[in-house]
Amino acid sequence: MRHSVWFMKTVGTPGHVNVRMVREIAKLRYQRNFHPLGTVQQLNAILASGSISRFSKQVKAPTIVLHGSADGLLPASQGRVVAKTIPNAKFHLIEGMAHDIPEYYQPYMVDLISNHLLDE
């Protein structure tokens, strides 16, 4: 749980990390399947996969890429690259949000997604 709280405080949106919820989720995940090497395996899979551009270029569905301006794990420039490689994709930078989806930002994100779907 300490690691989960540290991680979310590190990559989560400043001022919006719900520590109690992080602990609850960490407990559920631990009870479901504790596998210490899982994170290392996930990171290895990400690094081994390389660029996704050959796949994203094939996306035909209307696409919106949402990215937090405070994301310290994946810079906004990476979200812009993904949006540029998907034909006709739209990119939205969400000011202040990091590498999570805090409750505070959810109504705004729902509006962005709803408007995107209605415009198509």
PDB file of N, CA and C in Angstrom:
ATOM      1  N   MET A   1       0.814  -1.185   0.000  1.00  0.00           N
ATOM      2  CA  MET A   1       0.000   0.000   0.000  1.00  0.00           C
ATOM      3  C   MET A   1       0.863   1.256   0.000  1.00  0.00           C
ATOM      4  N   ARG A   2       1.959   1.216   0.758  1.00  0.00           N
ATOM      5  CA  ARG A   2       2.847   2.386   0.781  1.00  0.00           C
ATOM      6  C   ARG A   2       3.359   2.703  -0.613  1.00  0.00           C
ATOM      7  N   HIS A   3       3.740   1.658  -1.352  1.00  0.00           N
ATOM      8  CA  HIS A   3       4.237   1.888  -2.710  1.00  0.00           C
ATOM      9  C   HIS A   3       3.146   2.473  -3.593  1.00  0.00           C
ATOM     10  N   SER A   4       1.936   1.960  -3.505  1.00  0.00           N
ATOM     11  CA  SER A   4       0.831   2.474  -4.324  1.00  0.00           C
ATOM     12  C   SER A   4       0.557   3.939  -4.020  1.00  0.00           C
ATOM     13  N   VAL A   5       0.562   4.288  -2.747  1.00  0.00           N
ATOM     14  CA  VAL A   5       0.334   5.685  -2.363  1.00  0.00           C
ATOM     15  C   VAL A   5       1.475   6.556  -2.887  1.00  0.00           C
ATOM     16  N   TRP A   6       2.722   6.100  -2.700  1.00  0.00           N
ATOM     17  CA  TRP A   6       3.874   6.860  -3.212  1.00  0.00           C
ATOM     18  C   TRP A   6       3.755   7.040  -4.723  1.00  0.00           C
ATOM     19  N   PHE A   7       3.430   5.957  -5.429  1.00  0.00           N
ATOM     20  CA  PHE A   7       3.356   6.027  -6.890  1.00  0.00           C
ATOM     21  C   PHE A   7       2.284   7.016  -7.338  1.00  0.00           C
ATOM     22  N   MET A   8       1.101   6.937  -6.750  1.00  0.00           N
ATOM     23  CA  MET A   8       0.025   7.837  -7.165  1.00  0.00           C
ATOM     24  C   MET A   8       0.322   9.287  -6.789  1.00  0.00           C
ATOM     25  N   LYS A   9       1.012   9.492  -5.673  1.00  0.00           N
ATOM     26  CA  LYS A   9       1.410  10.865  -5.330  1.00  0.00           C
ATOM     27  C   LYS A   9       2.467  11.376  -6.297  1.00  0.00           C
ATOM     28  N   THR A  10       3.220  10.445  -6.893  1.00  0.00           N
ATOM     29  CA  THR A  10       4.267  10.815  -7.843  1.00  0.00           C
ATOM     30  C   THR A  10       3.693  11.108  -9.229  1.00  0.00           C
ATOM     31  N   VAL A  11       2.773  10.277  -9.711  1.00  0.00           N
ATOM     32  CA  VAL A  11       2.257  10.440 -11.081  1.00  0.00           C
ATOM     33  C   VAL A  11       0.829  10.982 -11.118  1.00  0.00           C
ATOM     34  N   GLY A  12       0.182  11.058  -9.973  1.00  0.00           N
ATOM     35  CA  GLY A  12      -1.205  11.519  -9.924  1.00  0.00           C
ATOM     36  C   GLY A  12      -1.312  13.035  -9.981  1.00  0.00           C
ATOM     37  N   THR A  13      -2.521  13.495 -10.190  1.00  0.00           N
ATOM     38  CA  THR A  13      -2.787  14.921 -10.313  1.00  0.00           C
ATOM     39  C   THR A  13      -2.594  15.619  -8.962  1.00  0.00           C
ATOM     40  N   PRO A  14      -1.701  16.609  -8.916  1.00  0.00           N
ATOM     41  CA  PRO A  14      -1.441  17.321  -7.669  1.00  0.00           C
ATOM     42  C   PRO A  14      -2.738  17.876  -7.067  1.00  0.00           C
ATOM     43  N   GLY A  15      -2.932  17.588  -5.779  1.00  0.00           N
ATOM     44  CA  GLY A  15      -4.108  18.073  -5.081  1.00  0.00           C
ATOM     45  C   GLY A  15      -5.359  17.241  -5.276  1.00  0.00           C
ATOM     46  N   HIS A  16      -5.265  16.175  -6.068  1.00  0.00           N
ATOM     47  CA  HIS A  16      -6.451  15.368  -6.372  1.00  0.00           C
ATOM     48  C   HIS A  16      -6.258  13.879  -6.106  1.00  0.00           C
ATOM     49  N   VAL A  17      -5.169  13.502  -5.449  1.00  0.00           N
ATOM     50  CA  VAL A  17      -4.948  12.088  -5.153  1.00  0.00           C
ATOM     51  C   VAL A  17      -5.743  11.726  -3.903  1.00  0.00           C
ATOM     52  N   ASN A  18      -6.670  10.785  -4.060  1.00  0.00           N
ATOM     53  CA  ASN A  18      -7.493  10.318  -2.960  1.00  0.00           C
ATOM     54  C   ASN A  18      -6.758   9.136  -2.306  1.00  0.00           C
ATOM     55  N   VAL A  19      -5.997   9.414  -1.260  1.00  0.00           N
ATOM     56  CA  VAL A  19      -5.143   8.405  -0.628  1.00  0.00           C
ATOM     57  C   VAL A  19      -5.971   7.236  -0.105  1.00  0.00           C
ATOM     58  N   ARG A  20      -7.127   7.514   0.480  1.00  0.00           N
ATOM     59  CA  ARG A  20      -7.976   6.438   0.996  1.00  0.00           C
ATOM     60  C   ARG A  20      -8.387   5.490  -0.135  1.00  0.00           C
ATOM     61  N   MET A  21      -8.773   6.044  -1.277  1.00  0.00           N
ATOM     62  CA  MET A  21      -9.167   5.214  -2.409  1.00  0.00           C
ATOM     63  C   MET A  21      -7.965   4.445  -2.974  1.00  0.00           C
ATOM     64  N   VAL A  22      -6.811   5.085  -3.020  1.00  0.00           N
ATOM     65  CA  VAL A  22      -5.599   4.410  -3.495  1.00  0.00           C
ATOM     66  C   VAL A  22      -5.310   3.201  -2.616  1.00  0.00           C
ATOM     67  N   ARG A  23      -5.435   3.362  -1.322  1.00  0.00           N
ATOM     68  CA  ARG A  23      -5.197   2.245  -0.394  1.00  0.00           C
ATOM     69  C   ARG A  23      -6.210   1.123  -0.601  1.00  0.00           C
ATOM     70  N   GLU A  24      -7.477   1.493  -0.779  1.00  0.00           N
ATOM     71  CA  GLU A  24      -8.512   0.486  -0.995  1.00  0.00           C
ATOM     72  C   GLU A  24      -8.259  -0.310  -2.269  1.00  0.00           C
ATOM     73  N   ILE A  25      -7.905   0.381  -3.337  1.00  0.00           N
ATOM     74  CA  ILE A  25      -7.617  -0.289  -4.612  1.00  0.00           C
ATOM     75  C   ILE A  25      -6.385  -1.165  -4.484  1.00  0.00           C
ATOM     76  N   ALA A  26      -5.351  -0.675  -3.802  1.00  0.00           N
ATOM     77  CA  ALA A  26      -4.134  -1.467  -3.595  1.00  0.00           C
ATOM     78  C   ALA A  26      -4.452  -2.748  -2.830  1.00  0.00           C
ATOM     79  N   LYS A  27      -5.295  -2.635  -1.821  1.00  0.00           N
ATOM     80  CA  LYS A  27      -5.684  -3.811  -1.030  1.00  0.00           C
ATOM     81  C   LYS A  27      -6.430  -4.819  -1.902  1.00  0.00           C
ATOM     82  N   LEU A  28      -7.374  -4.337  -2.705  1.00  0.00           N
ATOM     83  CA  LEU A  28      -8.127  -5.233  -3.592  1.00  0.00           C
ATOM     84  C   LEU A  28      -7.212  -5.924  -4.599  1.00  0.00           C
ATOM     85  N   ARG A  29      -6.295  -5.169  -5.165  1.00  0.00           N
ATOM     86  CA  ARG A  29      -5.369  -5.750  -6.142  1.00  0.00           C
ATOM     87  C   ARG A  29      -4.456  -6.788  -5.488  1.00  0.00           C
ATOM     88  N   TYR A  30      -4.005  -6.490  -4.287  1.00  0.00           N
ATOM     89  CA  TYR A  30      -3.155  -7.427  -3.566  1.00  0.00           C
ATOM     90  C   TYR A  30      -3.915  -8.720  -3.282  1.00  0.00           C
ATOM     91  N   GLN A  31      -5.142  -8.587  -2.819  1.00  0.00           N
ATOM     92  CA  GLN A  31      -5.954  -9.763  -2.499  1.00  0.00           C
ATOM     93  C   GLN A  31      -6.303 -10.564  -3.756  1.00  0.00           C
ATOM     94  N   ARG A  32      -6.485  -9.872  -4.861  1.00  0.00           N
ATOM     95  CA  ARG A  32      -6.846 -10.546  -6.108  1.00  0.00           C
ATOM     96  C   ARG A  32      -5.682 -11.365  -6.665  1.00  0.00           C
ATOM     97  N   ASN A  33      -4.500 -10.761  -6.697  1.00  0.00           N
ATOM     98  CA  ASN A  33      -3.366 -11.467  -7.290  1.00  0.00           C
ATOM     99  C   ASN A  33      -2.084 -10.688  -7.039  1.00  0.00           C
ATOM    100  N   PHE A  34      -1.385 -11.024  -5.986  1.00  0.00           N
ATOM    101  CA  PHE A  34      -0.111 -10.379  -5.691  1.00  0.00           C
ATOM    102  C   PHE A  34       0.972 -11.016  -6.548  1.00  0.00           C
ATOM    103  N   HIS A  35       1.577 -10.227  -7.407  1.00  0.00           N
ATOM    104  CA  HIS A  35       2.621 -10.733  -8.293  1.00  0.00           C
ATOM    105  C   HIS A  35       3.677  -9.631  -8.435  1.00  0.00           C
ATOM    106  N   PRO A  36       4.701  -9.641  -7.570  1.00  0.00           N
ATOM    107  CA  PRO A  36       5.680  -8.549  -7.543  1.00  0.00           C
ATOM    108  C   PRO A  36       6.354  -8.267  -8.884  1.00  0.00           C
ATOM    109  N   LEU A  37       6.545  -9.271  -9.703  1.00  0.00           N
ATOM    110  CA  LEU A  37       7.222  -9.038 -10.986  1.00  0.00           C
ATOM    111  C   LEU A  37       6.277  -8.506 -12.056  1.00  0.00           C
ATOM    112  N   GLY A  38       5.005  -8.400 -11.751  1.00  0.00           N
ATOM    113  CA  GLY A  38       4.025  -7.938 -12.738  1.00  0.00           C
ATOM    114  C   GLY A  38       4.364  -6.579 -13.321  1.00  0.00           C
ATOM    115  N   THR A  39       4.761  -5.638 -12.473  1.00  0.00           N
ATOM    116  CA  THR A  39       5.101  -4.296 -12.948  1.00  0.00           C
ATOM    117  C   THR A  39       6.323  -4.332 -13.852  1.00  0.00           C
ATOM    118  N   VAL A  40       7.310  -5.117 -13.470  1.00  0.00           N
ATOM    119  CA  VAL A  40       8.523  -5.241 -14.293  1.00  0.00           C
ATOM    120  C   VAL A  40       8.174  -5.866 -15.642  1.00  0.00           C
ATOM    121  N   GLN A  41       7.325  -6.885 -15.623  1.00  0.00           N
ATOM    122  CA  GLN A  41       6.915  -7.529 -16.877  1.00  0.00           C
ATOM    123  C   GLN A  41       6.136  -6.555 -17.759  1.00  0.00           C
ATOM    124  N   GLN A  42       5.275  -5.740 -17.148  1.00  0.00           N
ATOM    125  CA  GLN A  42       4.517  -4.754 -17.919  1.00  0.00           C
ATOM    126  C   GLN A  42       5.463  -3.737 -18.549  1.00  0.00           C
ATOM    127  N   LEU A  43       6.425  -3.246 -17.787  1.00  0.00           N
ATOM    128  CA  LEU A  43       7.389  -2.290 -18.317  1.00  0.00           C
ATOM    129  C   LEU A  43       8.202  -2.913 -19.446  1.00  0.00           C
ATOM    130  N   ASN A  44       8.643  -4.149 -19.282  1.00  0.00           N
ATOM    131  CA  ASN A  44       9.379  -4.835 -20.346  1.00  0.00           C
ATOM    132  C   ASN A  44       8.530  -4.964 -21.611  1.00  0.00           C
ATOM    133  N   ALA A  45       7.257  -5.283 -21.447  1.00  0.00           N
ATOM    134  CA  ALA A  45       6.364  -5.403 -22.609  1.00  0.00           C
ATOM    135  C   ALA A  45       6.216  -4.061 -23.317  1.00  0.00           C
ATOM    136  N   ILE A  46       6.087  -2.979 -22.541  1.00  0.00           N
ATOM    137  CA  ILE A  46       5.974  -1.640 -23.135  1.00  0.00           C
ATOM    138  C   ILE A  46       7.240  -1.305 -23.918  1.00  0.00           C
ATOM    139  N   LEU A  47       8.398  -1.549 -23.304  1.00  0.00           N
ATOM    140  CA  LEU A  47       9.665  -1.220 -23.963  1.00  0.00           C
ATOM    141  C   LEU A  47       9.907  -2.098 -25.191  1.00  0.00           C
ATOM    142  N   ALA A  48       9.523  -3.347 -25.118  1.00  0.00           N
ATOM    143  CA  ALA A  48       9.753  -4.277 -26.232  1.00  0.00           C
ATOM    144  C   ALA A  48       8.821  -4.010 -27.404  1.00  0.00           C
ATOM    145  N   SER A  49       7.653  -3.424 -27.140  1.00  0.00           N
ATOM    146  CA  SER A  49       6.683  -3.218 -28.225  1.00  0.00           C
ATOM    147  C   SER A  49       7.108  -2.122 -29.187  1.00  0.00           C
ATOM    148  N   GLY A  50       7.889  -1.162 -28.720  1.00  0.00           N
ATOM    149  CA  GLY A  50       8.335  -0.086 -29.595  1.00  0.00           C
ATOM    150  C   GLY A  50       7.201   0.846 -29.968  1.00  0.00           C
ATOM    151  N   SER A  51       7.344   1.479 -31.105  1.00  0.00           N
ATOM    152  CA  SER A  51       6.367   2.463 -31.562  1.00  0.00           C
ATOM    153  C   SER A  51       5.032   1.807 -31.920  1.00  0.00           C
ATOM    154  N   ILE A  52       3.954   2.475 -31.557  1.00  0.00           N
ATOM    155  CA  ILE A  52       2.620   1.985 -31.931  1.00  0.00           C
ATOM    156  C   ILE A  52       2.112   2.650 -33.206  1.00  0.00           C
ATOM    157  N   SER A  53       2.923   3.496 -33.822  1.00  0.00           N
ATOM    158  CA  SER A  53       2.451   4.282 -34.963  1.00  0.00           C
ATOM    159  C   SER A  53       1.968   3.415 -36.124  1.00  0.00           C
ATOM    160  N   ARG A  54       2.570   2.260 -36.333  1.00  0.00           N
ATOM    161  CA  ARG A  54       2.111   1.424 -37.445  1.00  0.00           C
ATOM    162  C   ARG A  54       0.694   0.909 -37.192  1.00  0.00           C
ATOM    163  N   PHE A  55       0.323   0.810 -35.922  1.00  0.00           N
ATOM    164  CA  PHE A  55      -1.031   0.389 -35.582  1.00  0.00           C
ATOM    165  C   PHE A  55      -1.983   1.576 -35.561  1.00  0.00           C
ATOM    166  N   SER A  56      -1.531   2.683 -34.975  1.00  0.00           N
ATOM    167  CA  SER A  56      -2.418   3.843 -34.855  1.00  0.00           C
ATOM    168  C   SER A  56      -2.762   4.425 -36.229  1.00  0.00           C
ATOM    169  N   LYS A  57      -1.894   4.287 -37.189  1.00  0.00           N
ATOM    170  CA  LYS A  57      -2.188   4.762 -38.550  1.00  0.00           C
ATOM    171  C   LYS A  57      -3.356   4.005 -39.174  1.00  0.00           C
ATOM    172  N   GLN A  58      -3.643   2.827 -38.652  1.00  0.00           N
ATOM    173  CA  GLN A  58      -4.716   1.991 -39.208  1.00  0.00           C
ATOM    174  C   GLN A  58      -6.078   2.260 -38.563  1.00  0.00           C
ATOM    175  N   VAL A  59      -6.108   3.092 -37.529  1.00  0.00           N
ATOM    176  CA  VAL A  59      -7.368   3.372 -36.832  1.00  0.00           C
ATOM    177  C   VAL A  59      -8.303   4.127 -37.770  1.00  0.00           C
ATOM    178  N   LYS A  60      -9.511   3.622 -37.906  1.00  0.00           N
ATOM    179  CA  LYS A  60     -10.501   4.242 -38.795  1.00  0.00           C
ATOM    180  C   LYS A  60     -11.590   4.973 -38.013  1.00  0.00           C
ATOM    181  N   ALA A  61     -11.756   4.636 -36.752  1.00  0.00           N
ATOM    182  CA  ALA A  61     -12.814   5.227 -35.937  1.00  0.00           C
ATOM    183  C   ALA A  61     -12.475   6.673 -35.572  1.00  0.00           C
ATOM    184  N   PRO A  62     -13.496   7.497 -35.435  1.00  0.00           N
ATOM    185  CA  PRO A  62     -13.253   8.861 -34.952  1.00  0.00           C
ATOM    186  C   PRO A  62     -12.562   8.785 -33.588  1.00  0.00           C
ATOM    187  N   THR A  63     -11.503   9.531 -33.433  1.00  0.00           N
ATOM    188  CA  THR A  63     -10.663   9.372 -32.248  1.00  0.00           C
ATOM    189  C   THR A  63     -10.388  10.705 -31.579  1.00  0.00           C
ATOM    190  N   ILE A  64     -10.435  10.669 -30.249  1.00  0.00           N
ATOM    191  CA  ILE A  64     -10.043  11.819 -29.441  1.00  0.00           C
ATOM    192  C   ILE A  64      -8.958  11.330 -28.476  1.00  0.00           C
ATOM    193  N   VAL A  65      -7.881  12.083 -28.403  1.00  0.00           N
ATOM    194  CA  VAL A  65      -6.788  11.748 -27.486  1.00  0.00           C
ATOM    195  C   VAL A  65      -6.797  12.804 -26.386  1.00  0.00           C
ATOM    196  N   LEU A  66      -6.986  12.349 -25.150  1.00  0.00           N
ATOM    197  CA  LEU A  66      -7.004  13.245 -23.993  1.00  0.00           C
ATOM    198  C   LEU A  66      -5.715  13.024 -23.211  1.00  0.00           C
ATOM    199  N   HIS A  67      -5.070  14.119 -22.829  1.00  0.00           N
ATOM    200  CA  HIS A  67      -3.794  13.995 -22.127  1.00  0.00           C
ATOM    201  C   HIS A  67      -3.680  15.109 -21.093  1.00  0.00           C
ATOM    202  N   GLY A  68      -3.186  14.763 -19.918  1.00  0.00           N
ATOM    203  CA  GLY A  68      -3.018  15.747 -18.856  1.00  0.00           C
ATOM    204  C   GLY A  68      -1.740  16.552 -19.018  1.00  0.00           C
ATOM    205  N   SER A  69      -1.841  17.843 -18.776  1.00  0.00           N
ATOM    206  CA  SER A  69      -0.661  18.714 -18.909  1.00  0.00           C
ATOM    207  C   SER A  69       0.369  18.457 -17.812  1.00  0.00           C
ATOM    208  N   ALA A  70      -0.066  17.876 -16.679  1.00  0.00           N
ATOM    209  CA  ALA A  70       0.841  17.625 -15.553  1.00  0.00           C
ATOM    210  C   ALA A  70       1.312  16.176 -15.501  1.00  0.00           C
ATOM    211  N   ASP A  71       1.134  15.444 -16.593  1.00  0.00           N
ATOM    212  CA  ASP A  71       1.535  14.032 -16.630  1.00  0.00           C
ATOM    213  C   ASP A  71       3.052  13.941 -16.618  1.00  0.00           C
ATOM    214  N   GLY A  72       3.607  13.451 -15.507  1.00  0.00           N
ATOM    215  CA  GLY A  72       5.053  13.313 -15.380  1.00  0.00           C
ATOM    216  C   GLY A  72       5.573  11.974 -15.864  1.00  0.00           C
ATOM    217  N   LEU A  73       4.656  11.050 -16.179  1.00  0.00           N
ATOM    218  CA  LEU A  73       5.067   9.734 -16.660  1.00  0.00           C
ATOM    219  C   LEU A  73       5.188   9.728 -18.175  1.00  0.00           C
ATOM    220  N   LEU A  74       4.184  10.284 -18.841  1.00  0.00           N
ATOM    221  CA  LEU A  74       4.199  10.416 -20.300  1.00  0.00           C
ATOM    222  C   LEU A  74       3.936  11.881 -20.645  1.00  0.00           C
ATOM    223  N   PRO A  75       4.913  12.570 -21.192  1.00  0.00           N
ATOM    224  CA  PRO A  75       4.731  13.979 -21.515  1.00  0.00           C
ATOM    225  C   PRO A  75       3.612  14.190 -22.546  1.00  0.00           C
ATOM    226  N   ALA A  76       3.013  15.361 -22.507  1.00  0.00           N
ATOM    227  CA  ALA A  76       1.933  15.691 -23.436  1.00  0.00           C
ATOM    228  C   ALA A  76       2.383  15.552 -24.892  1.00  0.00           C
ATOM    229  N   SER A  77       3.662  15.754 -25.137  1.00  0.00           N
ATOM    230  CA  SER A  77       4.161  15.608 -26.515  1.00  0.00           C
ATOM    231  C   SER A  77       3.902  14.200 -27.044  1.00  0.00           C
ATOM    232  N   GLN A  78       3.917  13.202 -26.162  1.00  0.00           N
ATOM    233  CA  GLN A  78       3.650  11.820 -26.587  1.00  0.00           C
ATOM    234  C   GLN A  78       2.187  11.658 -26.994  1.00  0.00           C
ATOM    235  N   GLY A  79       1.290  12.293 -26.253  1.00  0.00           N
ATOM    236  CA  GLY A  79      -0.121  12.266 -26.627  1.00  0.00           C
ATOM    237  C   GLY A  79      -0.356  12.947 -27.962  1.00  0.00           C
ATOM    238  N   ARG A  80       0.360  14.041 -28.191  1.00  0.00           N
ATOM    239  CA  ARG A  80       0.231  14.746 -29.481  1.00  0.00           C
ATOM    240  C   ARG A  80       0.721  13.860 -30.631  1.00  0.00           C
ATOM    241  N   VAL A  81       1.806  13.136 -30.402  1.00  0.00           N
ATOM    242  CA  VAL A  81       2.336  12.236 -31.437  1.00  0.00           C
ATOM    243  C   VAL A  81       1.300  11.165 -31.771  1.00  0.00           C
ATOM    244  N   VAL A  82       0.699  10.578 -30.749  1.00  0.00           N
ATOM    245  CA  VAL A  82      -0.334   9.558 -30.983  1.00  0.00           C
ATOM    246  C   VAL A  82      -1.471  10.158 -31.798  1.00  0.00           C
ATOM    247  N   ALA A  83      -1.935  11.340 -31.414  1.00  0.00           N
ATOM    248  CA  ALA A  83      -3.032  11.985 -32.137  1.00  0.00           C
ATOM    249  C   ALA A  83      -2.660  12.271 -33.598  1.00  0.00           C
ATOM    250  N   LYS A  84      -1.411  12.649 -33.829  1.00  0.00           N
ATOM    251  CA  LYS A  84      -0.979  12.948 -35.206  1.00  0.00           C
ATOM    252  C   LYS A  84      -0.895  11.696 -36.076  1.00  0.00           C
ATOM    253  N   THR A  85      -0.642  10.554 -35.458  1.00  0.00           N
ATOM    254  CA  THR A  85      -0.513   9.335 -36.267  1.00  0.00           C
ATOM    255  C   THR A  85      -1.854   8.674 -36.542  1.00  0.00           C
ATOM    256  N   ILE A  86      -2.901   9.057 -35.825  1.00  0.00           N
ATOM    257  CA  ILE A  86      -4.239   8.513 -36.075  1.00  0.00           C
ATOM    258  C   ILE A  86      -4.946   9.462 -37.040  1.00  0.00           C
ATOM    259  N   PRO A  87      -5.378   8.968 -38.181  1.00  0.00           N
ATOM    260  CA  PRO A  87      -6.028   9.840 -39.164  1.00  0.00           C
ATOM    261  C   PRO A  87      -7.207  10.615 -38.559  1.00  0.00           C
ATOM    262  N   ASN A  88      -7.174  11.929 -38.729  1.00  0.00           N
ATOM    263  CA  ASN A  88      -8.243  12.842 -38.304  1.00  0.00           C
ATOM    264  C   ASN A  88      -8.498  12.852 -36.789  1.00  0.00           C
ATOM    265  N   ALA A  89      -7.565  12.402 -35.999  1.00  0.00           N
ATOM    266  CA  ALA A  89      -7.747  12.413 -34.542  1.00  0.00           C
ATOM    267  C   ALA A  89      -7.685  13.838 -34.011  1.00  0.00           C
ATOM    268  N   LYS A  90      -8.365  14.042 -32.905  1.00  0.00           N
ATOM    269  CA  LYS A  90      -8.338  15.337 -32.228  1.00  0.00           C
ATOM    270  C   LYS A  90      -7.594  15.158 -30.901  1.00  0.00           C
ATOM    271  N   PHE A  91      -6.802  16.156 -30.552  1.00  0.00           N
ATOM    272  CA  PHE A  91      -6.025  16.126 -29.312  1.00  0.00           C
ATOM    273  C   PHE A  91      -6.551  17.193 -28.364  1.00  0.00           C
ATOM    274  N   HIS A  92      -6.736  16.819 -27.101  1.00  0.00           N
ATOM    275  CA  HIS A  92      -7.144  17.785 -26.075  1.00  0.00           C
ATOM    276  C   HIS A  92      -6.193  17.667 -24.898  1.00  0.00           C
ATOM    277  N   LEU A  93      -5.550  18.770 -24.571  1.00  0.00           N
ATOM    278  CA  LEU A  93      -4.692  18.833 -23.388  1.00  0.00           C
ATOM    279  C   LEU A  93      -5.552  19.290 -22.219  1.00  0.00           C
ATOM    280  N   ILE A  94      -5.545  18.522 -21.147  1.00  0.00           N
ATOM    281  CA  ILE A  94      -6.347  18.853 -19.979  1.00  0.00           C
ATOM    282  C   ILE A  94      -5.431  19.479 -18.938  1.00  0.00           C
ATOM    283  N   GLU A  95      -5.586  20.785 -18.769  1.00  0.00           N
ATOM    284  CA  GLU A  95      -4.711  21.551 -17.879  1.00  0.00           C
ATOM    285  C   GLU A  95      -4.784  21.059 -16.439  1.00  0.00           C
ATOM    286  N   GLY A  96      -3.615  20.789 -15.874  1.00  0.00           N
ATOM    287  CA  GLY A  96      -3.505  20.416 -14.476  1.00  0.00           C
ATOM    288  C   GLY A  96      -3.632  18.938 -14.185  1.00  0.00           C
ATOM    289  N   MET A  97      -4.168  18.154 -15.117  1.00  0.00           N
ATOM    290  CA  MET A  97      -4.346  16.723 -14.872  1.00  0.00           C
ATOM    291  C   MET A  97      -3.031  15.989 -15.135  1.00  0.00           C
ATOM    292  N   ALA A  98      -2.815  14.911 -14.385  1.00  0.00           N
ATOM    293  CA  ALA A  98      -1.585  14.131 -14.538  1.00  0.00           C
ATOM    294  C   ALA A  98      -1.904  12.763 -15.148  1.00  0.00           C
ATOM    295  N   HIS A  99      -1.253  11.707 -14.658  1.00  0.00           N
ATOM    296  CA  HIS A  99      -1.376  10.365 -15.244  1.00  0.00           C
ATOM    297  C   HIS A  99      -2.447   9.548 -14.529  1.00  0.00           C
ATOM    298  N   ASP A 100      -3.563  10.178 -14.271  1.00  0.00           N
ATOM    299  CA  ASP A 100      -4.692   9.515 -13.640  1.00  0.00           C
ATOM    300  C   ASP A 100      -5.956  10.221 -14.126  1.00  0.00           C
ATOM    301  N   ILE A 101      -7.085   9.802 -13.628  1.00  0.00           N
ATOM    302  CA  ILE A 101      -8.343  10.452 -14.004  1.00  0.00           C
ATOM    303  C   ILE A 101      -9.094  10.785 -12.716  1.00  0.00           C
ATOM    304  N   PRO A 102      -8.701  11.877 -12.046  1.00  0.00           N
ATOM    305  CA  PRO A 102      -9.353  12.224 -10.787  1.00  0.00           C
ATOM    306  C   PRO A 102     -10.827  12.559 -10.996  1.00  0.00           C
ATOM    307  N   GLU A 103     -11.587  12.343  -9.950  1.00  0.00           N
ATOM    308  CA  GLU A 103     -13.032  12.603  -9.990  1.00  0.00           C
ATOM    309  C   GLU A 103     -13.322  14.036 -10.438  1.00  0.00           C
ATOM    310  N   TYR A 104     -12.512  14.975 -10.016  1.00  0.00           N
ATOM    311  CA  TYR A 104     -12.691  16.386 -10.366  1.00  0.00           C
ATOM    312  C   TYR A 104     -12.766  16.601 -11.882  1.00  0.00           C
ATOM    313  N   TYR A 105     -11.954  15.883 -12.643  1.00  0.00           N
ATOM    314  CA  TYR A 105     -11.873  16.073 -14.095  1.00  0.00           C
ATOM    315  C   TYR A 105     -12.875  15.220 -14.882  1.00  0.00           C
ATOM    316  N   GLN A 106     -13.502  14.275 -14.247  1.00  0.00           N
ATOM    317  CA  GLN A 106     -14.378  13.346 -14.965  1.00  0.00           C
ATOM    318  C   GLN A 106     -15.540  14.016 -15.689  1.00  0.00           C
ATOM    319  N   PRO A 107     -16.273  14.963 -15.089  1.00  0.00           N
ATOM    320  CA  PRO A 107     -17.358  15.604 -15.850  1.00  0.00           C
ATOM    321  C   PRO A 107     -16.858  16.318 -17.108  1.00  0.00           C
ATOM    322  N   TYR A 108     -15.718  16.975 -16.990  1.00  0.00           N
ATOM    323  CA  TYR A 108     -15.130  17.657 -18.153  1.00  0.00           C
ATOM    324  C   TYR A 108     -14.763  16.653 -19.247  1.00  0.00           C
ATOM    325  N   MET A 109     -14.171  15.536 -18.839  1.00  0.00           N
ATOM    326  CA  MET A 109     -13.787  14.519 -19.816  1.00  0.00           C
ATOM    327  C   MET A 109     -15.014  13.893 -20.470  1.00  0.00           C
ATOM    328  N   VAL A 110     -16.058  13.658 -19.693  1.00  0.00           N
ATOM    329  CA  VAL A 110     -17.298  13.110 -20.256  1.00  0.00           C
ATOM    330  C   VAL A 110     -17.863  14.088 -21.289  1.00  0.00           C
ATOM    331  N   ASP A 111     -17.837  15.386 -20.986  1.00  0.00           N
ATOM    332  CA  ASP A 111     -18.308  16.389 -21.951  1.00  0.00           C
ATOM    333  C   ASP A 111     -17.479  16.359 -23.225  1.00  0.00           C
ATOM    334  N   LEU A 112     -16.152  16.288 -23.095  1.00  0.00           N
ATOM    335  CA  LEU A 112     -15.285  16.230 -24.278  1.00  0.00           C
ATOM    336  C   LEU A 112     -15.606  15.015 -25.140  1.00  0.00           C
ATOM    337  N   ILE A 113     -15.741  13.879 -24.497  1.00  0.00           N
ATOM    338  CA  ILE A 113     -16.009  12.638 -25.225  1.00  0.00           C
ATOM    339  C   ILE A 113     -17.405  12.673 -25.845  1.00  0.00           C
ATOM    340  N   SER A 114     -18.396  13.134 -25.085  1.00  0.00           N
ATOM    341  CA  SER A 114     -19.767  13.218 -25.610  1.00  0.00           C
ATOM    342  C   SER A 114     -19.824  14.140 -26.818  1.00  0.00           C
ATOM    343  N   ASN A 115     -19.223  15.319 -26.704  1.00  0.00           N
ATOM    344  CA  ASN A 115     -19.206  16.262 -27.841  1.00  0.00           C
ATOM    345  C   ASN A 115     -18.496  15.672 -29.034  1.00  0.00           C
ATOM    346  N   HIS A 116     -17.418  14.971 -28.772  1.00  0.00           N
ATOM    347  CA  HIS A 116     -16.672  14.323 -29.876  1.00  0.00           C
ATOM    348  C   HIS A 116     -17.554  13.304 -30.590  1.00  0.00           C
ATOM    349  N   LEU A 117     -18.262  12.492 -29.830  1.00  0.00           N
ATOM    350  CA  LEU A 117     -19.126  11.465 -30.433  1.00  0.00           C
ATOM    351  C   LEU A 117     -20.308  12.076 -31.164  1.00  0.00           C
ATOM    352  N   LEU A 118     -20.856  13.156 -30.619  1.00  0.00           N
ATOM    353  CA  LEU A 118     -22.004  13.807 -31.257  1.00  0.00           C
ATOM    354  C   LEU A 118     -21.608  14.549 -32.519  1.00  0.00           C
ATOM    355  N   ASP A 119     -20.355  15.024 -32.577  1.00  0.00           N
ATOM    356  CA  ASP A 119     -19.882  15.736 -33.767  1.00  0.00           C
ATOM    357  C   ASP A 119     -19.634  14.805 -34.936  1.00  0.00           C
ATOM    358  N   GLU A 120     -19.464  13.509 -34.673  1.00  0.00           N
ATOM    359  CA  GLU A 120     -19.100  12.569 -35.732  1.00  0.00           C
ATOM    360  C   GLU A 120     -20.317  12.095 -36.490  1.00  0.00           C
TER     361      GLU A 120
END
